[in-house]
Amino acid sequence: MNQVIVNAKGDPCPVPVVKATQALRSMTEPGRLVIYVDNEIAVQNLSRMAASHQFTAHAEKQGEDYVVTVEVTRAMSQGTAAPAQQEAADCIPDARGNTAVVLSGDCMGQGDDTLGRMLMKGFVFALTQLEEISSVKITVRGQELAYREKKVFQSRDVLLSPKEDVVATVQALLYFPDEEGGLQAEERMLDLFEGDTQVGAVARALEMGPETKGLSAIFPEGFRVRNLWLEEQTCYVNFSSLLLGYLLEENEQVLESLCRSLCSLESVNEVRFLVDGEFYENYQGIALGVPFVE
């Protein structure tokens, strides 16, 4: 099952819900959304958020923190409309007008300035998530900030937590070519960052190459695995026909390395490949119709 992890510990309301909503929108298939928070108010808000999307949620206390798990039964990015309706809706021009939100200061309320700044920051973050607001422009007394090259920000530009914030780890075996031409396993403990999946972490580690002397990279320099996902313990990897042909010319062991590395995860039982979104029994002499099982 696809699992996405969000770390919202230490974040004031409504940031945990904003983070969870962003993660939901990014999920391209059903799975599980796990959010780490440190207060009961966030737990209540996340439970209401899940219910509003008709998802079930349960919370567990771990020491001073809480873990809220949302069972995502459908991909939020797919929506609920029929494909024809979705296509028609995508063609409608953006009819939203300009909305001005004027803030008189950097604090919300009076009293504790530290708390006030945290609340104001959470309020501004929440603004970027409203469907009626497509972008935010920051000015001071009507004047643009001269020292900023970028003046207009969209929701994807707002970083709610540091990219280096590790929220979990997973153990995996990564297979790289050795000096004799075979594939050698390298045992690694991989970091999971906010929004990561386990299969994505394995792919990223393979892209970065081995840490053991005598082993060599399996992918060409700069290559990135763009499209893979997990459904019911089957990991699907989708390649473009042009890219797959190039990879096989560079190294015939690419598919075996990827399969064996992904199957080292407890959550993966088998791997299936697609080419341009389609299943093939045979592609360029390689049997792809049978799932790979370690």
Protein backbone atom coordinates (compact mmCIF):
# COMPACT_ATOMS: atom_id res chain seq x y z
CA MET A 1 0.00 0.00 0.00
CA ASN A 2 1.25 3.46 -0.91
CA GLN A 3 2.11 5.46 2.21
CA VAL A 4 2.89 9.17 2.44
CA ILE A 5 4.36 10.67 5.62
CA VAL A 6 3.88 14.26 6.79
CA ASN A 7 5.73 15.78 9.74
CA ALA A 8 3.67 18.58 11.34
CA LYS A 9 5.16 18.47 14.83
CA GLY A 10 5.66 21.94 16.23
CA ASP A 11 3.44 23.54 13.58
CA PRO A 12 0.66 25.90 14.73
CA CYS A 13 -2.91 25.67 13.47
CA PRO A 14 -3.83 25.52 10.58
CA VAL A 15 -0.47 24.37 9.17
CA PRO A 16 -0.95 20.62 9.97
CA VAL A 17 -4.20 20.60 7.98
CA VAL A 18 -2.57 22.59 5.16
CA LYS A 19 0.30 20.11 4.97
CA ALA A 20 -2.08 17.14 5.02
CA THR A 21 -4.24 18.68 2.31
CA GLN A 22 -1.20 19.26 0.10
CA ALA A 23 -0.13 15.65 0.58
CA LEU A 24 -3.64 14.39 -0.25
CA ARG A 25 -3.67 16.36 -3.48
CA SER A 26 -0.34 14.83 -4.50
CA MET A 27 -1.50 11.22 -4.03
CA THR A 28 -2.12 9.63 -7.42
CA GLU A 29 -3.54 6.38 -6.06
CA PRO A 30 -5.28 5.10 -2.91
CA GLY A 31 -3.08 4.57 0.10
CA ARG A 32 -2.37 5.80 3.60
CA LEU A 33 -1.50 9.31 4.79
CA VAL A 34 0.39 9.40 8.10
CA ILE A 35 0.67 12.76 9.88
CA TYR A 36 2.84 13.37 12.96
CA VAL A 37 1.61 16.17 15.27
CA ASP A 38 2.18 17.20 18.88
CA ASN A 39 -1.19 18.51 20.10
CA GLU A 40 -4.78 17.33 20.41
CA ILE A 41 -6.22 20.32 18.53
CA ALA A 42 -4.30 19.27 15.43
CA VAL A 43 -5.61 15.70 15.85
CA GLN A 44 -9.19 16.99 15.96
CA ASN A 45 -8.71 19.25 12.95
CA LEU A 46 -7.09 16.47 10.91
CA SER A 47 -9.93 14.10 11.78
CA ARG A 48 -12.47 16.67 10.58
CA MET A 49 -10.46 17.22 7.42
CA ALA A 50 -10.47 13.47 6.69
CA ALA A 51 -14.20 13.24 7.33
CA SER A 52 -14.86 16.13 4.94
CA HIS A 53 -13.29 14.00 2.18
CA GLN A 54 -15.20 10.90 3.36
CA PHE A 55 -12.00 9.21 4.56
CA THR A 56 -11.59 7.43 7.88
CA ALA A 57 -8.90 8.51 10.32
CA HIS A 58 -7.57 7.20 13.60
CA ALA A 59 -5.07 8.68 16.02
CA GLU A 60 -2.49 7.06 18.29
CA LYS A 61 -0.51 8.74 21.04
CA GLN A 62 3.23 8.05 21.01
CA GLY A 63 4.89 9.62 24.03
CA GLU A 64 4.22 13.36 23.84
CA ASP A 65 3.26 13.20 20.16
CA TYR A 66 0.35 11.89 18.11
CA VAL A 67 0.20 9.91 14.87
CA VAL A 68 -2.90 10.45 12.74
CA THR A 69 -3.46 7.87 9.99
CA VAL A 70 -5.88 8.64 7.17
CA GLU A 71 -7.08 5.78 4.98
CA VAL A 72 -7.18 7.31 1.49
CA THR A 73 -9.61 5.20 -0.54
CA ARG A 74 -9.34 7.20 -3.75
CA ALA A 75 -6.82 9.46 -5.44
CA MET A 76 -7.62 13.08 -4.67
CA SER A 77 -5.91 14.17 -7.88
CA GLN A 78 -8.47 12.15 -9.85
CA GLY A 79 -11.46 13.91 -8.30
CA THR A 80 -14.99 12.51 -8.45
CA ALA A 81 -16.23 13.85 -11.77
CA ALA A 82 -16.51 11.75 -14.92
CA PRO A 83 -13.54 12.00 -17.32
CA ALA A 84 -15.55 13.99 -19.87
CA GLN A 85 -16.63 16.43 -17.19
CA GLN A 86 -13.07 16.79 -15.94
CA GLU A 87 -11.77 17.46 -19.44
CA ALA A 88 -14.42 20.11 -20.00
CA ALA A 89 -13.67 21.73 -16.65
CA ASP A 90 -9.96 21.85 -17.48
CA CYS A 91 -10.73 23.94 -20.56
CA ILE A 92 -12.56 26.69 -18.66
CA PRO A 93 -10.42 29.85 -18.42
CA ASP A 94 -9.49 31.05 -14.96
CA ALA A 95 -12.22 33.57 -14.18
CA ARG A 96 -10.93 34.52 -10.74
CA GLY A 97 -10.38 38.20 -10.18
CA ASN A 98 -7.79 39.94 -8.05
CA THR A 99 -8.25 39.62 -4.28
CA ALA A 100 -6.38 41.95 -1.93
CA VAL A 101 -5.70 40.90 1.66
CA VAL A 102 -4.30 43.75 3.74
CA LEU A 103 -2.32 42.86 6.88
CA SER A 104 -1.65 45.65 9.35
CA GLY A 105 1.31 43.94 10.99
CA ASP A 106 3.29 40.76 11.37
CA CYS A 107 1.36 39.60 14.49
CA MET A 108 -2.18 38.33 14.94
CA GLY A 109 -3.87 39.56 18.11
CA GLN A 110 -2.27 41.28 21.06
CA GLY A 111 -0.15 40.04 23.93
CA ASP A 112 2.39 37.35 23.13
CA ASP A 113 4.23 38.53 19.99
CA THR A 114 5.88 35.12 19.43
CA LEU A 115 2.50 33.39 19.36
CA GLY A 116 1.06 36.22 17.28
CA ARG A 117 3.72 35.78 14.60
CA MET A 118 3.15 32.02 14.50
CA LEU A 119 -0.59 32.55 14.06
CA MET A 120 -0.03 35.12 11.31
CA LYS A 121 2.34 32.78 9.49
CA GLY A 122 -0.24 30.01 9.68
CA PHE A 123 -2.90 32.39 8.35
CA VAL A 124 -0.78 33.39 5.35
CA PHE A 125 -0.01 29.73 4.61
CA ALA A 126 -3.73 28.95 4.70
CA LEU A 127 -4.41 31.75 2.21
CA THR A 128 -2.31 30.01 -0.43
CA GLN A 129 -4.54 26.92 -0.19
CA LEU A 130 -7.84 28.66 -1.00
CA GLU A 131 -9.25 27.79 -4.42
CA GLU A 132 -10.19 31.46 -4.89
CA ILE A 133 -6.55 32.52 -4.56
CA SER A 134 -4.11 31.38 -7.25
CA SER A 135 -1.11 33.47 -6.16
CA VAL A 136 0.12 35.82 -3.43
CA LYS A 137 2.05 39.03 -3.93
CA ILE A 138 3.85 40.51 -0.94
CA THR A 139 4.35 44.26 -0.62
CA VAL A 140 5.25 46.62 2.21
CA ARG A 141 3.12 49.76 2.33
CA GLY A 142 2.20 49.14 -1.27
CA GLN A 143 5.80 48.86 -2.45
CA GLU A 144 7.42 45.69 -3.80
CA LEU A 145 10.39 44.25 -1.94
CA ALA A 146 13.36 45.50 -3.93
CA TYR A 147 15.72 42.76 -2.70
CA ARG A 148 13.48 39.89 -3.89
CA GLU A 149 13.79 38.76 -7.51
CA LYS A 150 10.48 36.89 -7.33
CA LYS A 151 7.43 39.02 -6.52
CA VAL A 152 4.49 36.63 -6.98
CA PHE A 153 4.21 33.29 -5.16
CA GLN A 154 1.96 30.27 -5.70
CA SER A 155 1.13 27.51 -3.23
CA ARG A 156 3.90 25.26 -4.61
CA ASP A 157 6.43 27.99 -3.71
CA VAL A 158 5.51 27.88 -0.01
CA LEU A 159 7.81 25.54 1.93
CA LEU A 160 6.09 24.51 5.15
CA SER A 161 9.03 22.58 6.56
CA PRO A 162 12.73 22.14 5.73
CA LYS A 163 13.46 19.70 2.90
CA GLU A 164 16.09 18.09 5.10
CA ASP A 165 13.49 17.19 7.75
CA VAL A 166 13.77 13.38 8.07
CA VAL A 167 10.50 11.90 9.34
CA ALA A 168 11.26 8.16 9.10
CA THR A 169 13.76 5.59 7.83
CA VAL A 170 13.46 2.32 5.89
CA GLN A 171 15.95 -0.52 5.45
CA ALA A 172 16.63 -1.72 1.90
CA LEU A 173 19.11 -3.67 -0.21
CA LEU A 174 20.37 -1.71 -3.21
CA TYR A 175 21.89 -3.69 -6.10
CA PHE A 176 24.83 -2.18 -8.00
CA PRO A 177 27.25 -3.69 -10.57
CA ASP A 178 30.50 -5.01 -9.11
CA GLU A 179 33.93 -5.29 -10.74
CA GLU A 180 33.14 -8.77 -12.06
CA GLY A 181 29.99 -7.62 -13.85
CA GLY A 182 27.46 -9.08 -11.42
CA LEU A 183 25.02 -7.29 -9.13
CA GLN A 184 26.11 -6.85 -5.52
CA ALA A 185 23.73 -5.94 -2.69
CA GLU A 186 24.53 -2.88 -0.58
CA GLU A 187 22.57 -2.74 2.69
CA ARG A 188 21.35 0.78 3.39
CA MET A 189 19.14 2.64 5.87
CA LEU A 190 17.30 5.22 3.76
CA ASP A 191 15.89 8.50 5.03
CA LEU A 192 12.26 9.31 4.28
CA PHE A 193 11.55 13.01 3.92
CA GLU A 194 8.18 14.68 4.14
CA GLY A 195 5.96 13.50 1.29
CA ASP A 196 8.27 10.58 0.45
CA THR A 197 7.25 7.01 -0.33
CA GLN A 198 9.45 3.99 0.37
CA VAL A 199 9.66 3.03 -3.31
CA GLY A 200 10.58 6.62 -4.15
CA ALA A 201 13.37 6.57 -1.56
CA VAL A 202 14.82 3.38 -3.10
CA ALA A 203 14.74 4.90 -6.59
CA ARG A 204 16.42 8.08 -5.32
CA ALA A 205 19.18 6.07 -3.60
CA LEU A 206 19.84 4.09 -6.80
CA GLU A 207 20.07 7.36 -8.73
CA MET A 208 22.68 8.67 -6.29
CA GLY A 209 24.86 5.58 -6.72
CA PRO A 210 26.70 3.21 -4.36
CA GLU A 211 28.64 4.02 -1.22
CA THR A 212 30.73 0.82 -1.26
CA LYS A 213 34.12 0.80 -2.95
CA GLY A 214 34.25 -1.50 -5.97
CA LEU A 215 30.63 -0.96 -6.94
CA SER A 216 29.53 1.29 -9.80
CA ALA A 217 26.38 3.31 -10.58
CA ILE A 218 23.51 1.49 -12.28
CA PHE A 219 21.94 4.60 -13.85
CA PRO A 220 23.61 7.13 -16.17
CA GLU A 221 24.65 10.35 -14.45
CA GLY A 222 21.73 12.75 -14.04
CA PHE A 223 19.06 10.10 -14.69
CA ARG A 224 15.90 10.25 -12.56
CA VAL A 225 13.13 7.67 -12.11
CA ARG A 226 10.07 9.87 -12.57
CA ASN A 227 7.07 7.58 -12.49
CA LEU A 228 6.64 4.71 -10.03
CA TRP A 229 3.96 3.87 -7.50
CA LEU A 230 2.81 1.09 -5.16
CA GLU A 231 -0.59 -0.64 -5.23
CA GLU A 232 -1.40 -3.65 -3.04
CA GLN A 233 2.27 -4.65 -2.68
CA THR A 234 2.91 -4.38 -6.44
CA CYS A 235 5.28 -1.62 -7.51
CA TYR A 236 4.63 -0.23 -10.99
CA VAL A 237 7.41 1.53 -12.92
CA ASN A 238 6.46 3.44 -16.06
CA PHE A 239 9.19 4.28 -18.62
CA SER A 240 8.95 6.21 -21.84
CA SER A 241 9.90 4.07 -24.85
CA LEU A 242 12.73 6.45 -25.75
CA LEU A 243 14.16 6.43 -22.23
CA LEU A 244 13.90 2.66 -21.76
CA GLY A 245 15.74 2.02 -25.04
CA TYR A 246 18.51 4.39 -23.95
CA LEU A 247 18.81 2.74 -20.52
CA LEU A 248 19.07 -0.76 -21.96
CA GLU A 249 21.77 0.36 -24.37
CA GLU A 250 23.75 1.80 -21.44
CA ASN A 251 23.34 -1.13 -19.06
CA GLU A 252 21.29 -4.31 -19.52
CA GLN A 253 21.18 -4.84 -15.74
CA VAL A 254 19.11 -1.72 -15.08
CA LEU A 255 15.75 -3.49 -14.81
CA GLU A 256 17.10 -6.34 -12.67
CA SER A 257 18.79 -3.89 -10.29
CA LEU A 258 15.63 -1.83 -9.93
CA CYS A 259 13.45 -4.89 -9.39
CA ARG A 260 15.67 -6.56 -6.80
CA SER A 261 16.18 -3.30 -4.91
CA LEU A 262 12.44 -2.53 -4.78
CA CYS A 263 11.57 -6.10 -3.74
CA SER A 264 13.94 -5.81 -0.78
CA LEU A 265 11.26 -3.62 0.84
CA GLU A 266 8.78 -5.45 3.05
CA SER A 267 5.95 -3.53 1.38
CA VAL A 268 6.82 -4.77 -2.15
CA ASN A 269 6.11 -8.32 -3.32
CA GLU A 270 6.53 -7.82 -7.06
CA VAL A 271 7.47 -5.24 -9.71
CA ARG A 272 5.76 -4.61 -13.05
CA PHE A 273 6.97 -2.39 -15.86
CA LEU A 274 4.97 -0.25 -18.26
CA VAL A 275 6.17 1.44 -21.45
CA ASP A 276 4.43 4.71 -22.29
CA GLY A 277 1.68 3.71 -19.85
CA GLU A 278 1.01 0.33 -21.52
CA PHE A 279 1.80 -3.25 -20.50
CA TYR A 280 3.91 -5.28 -22.96
CA GLU A 281 4.48 -9.03 -23.02
CA ASN A 282 7.79 -8.44 -24.77
CA TYR A 283 9.69 -5.23 -25.44
CA GLN A 284 12.90 -5.18 -27.48
CA GLY A 285 13.48 -8.82 -26.65
CA ILE A 286 12.87 -8.37 -22.92
CA ALA A 287 9.96 -10.22 -21.29
CA LEU A 288 7.88 -7.66 -19.40
CA GLY A 289 4.56 -9.54 -19.21
CA VAL A 290 5.47 -11.53 -16.10
CA PRO A 291 5.82 -9.61 -12.81
CA PHE A 292 9.30 -9.72 -11.27
CA VAL A 293 9.35 -11.50 -7.90
CA GLU A 294 12.56 -11.68 -5.84
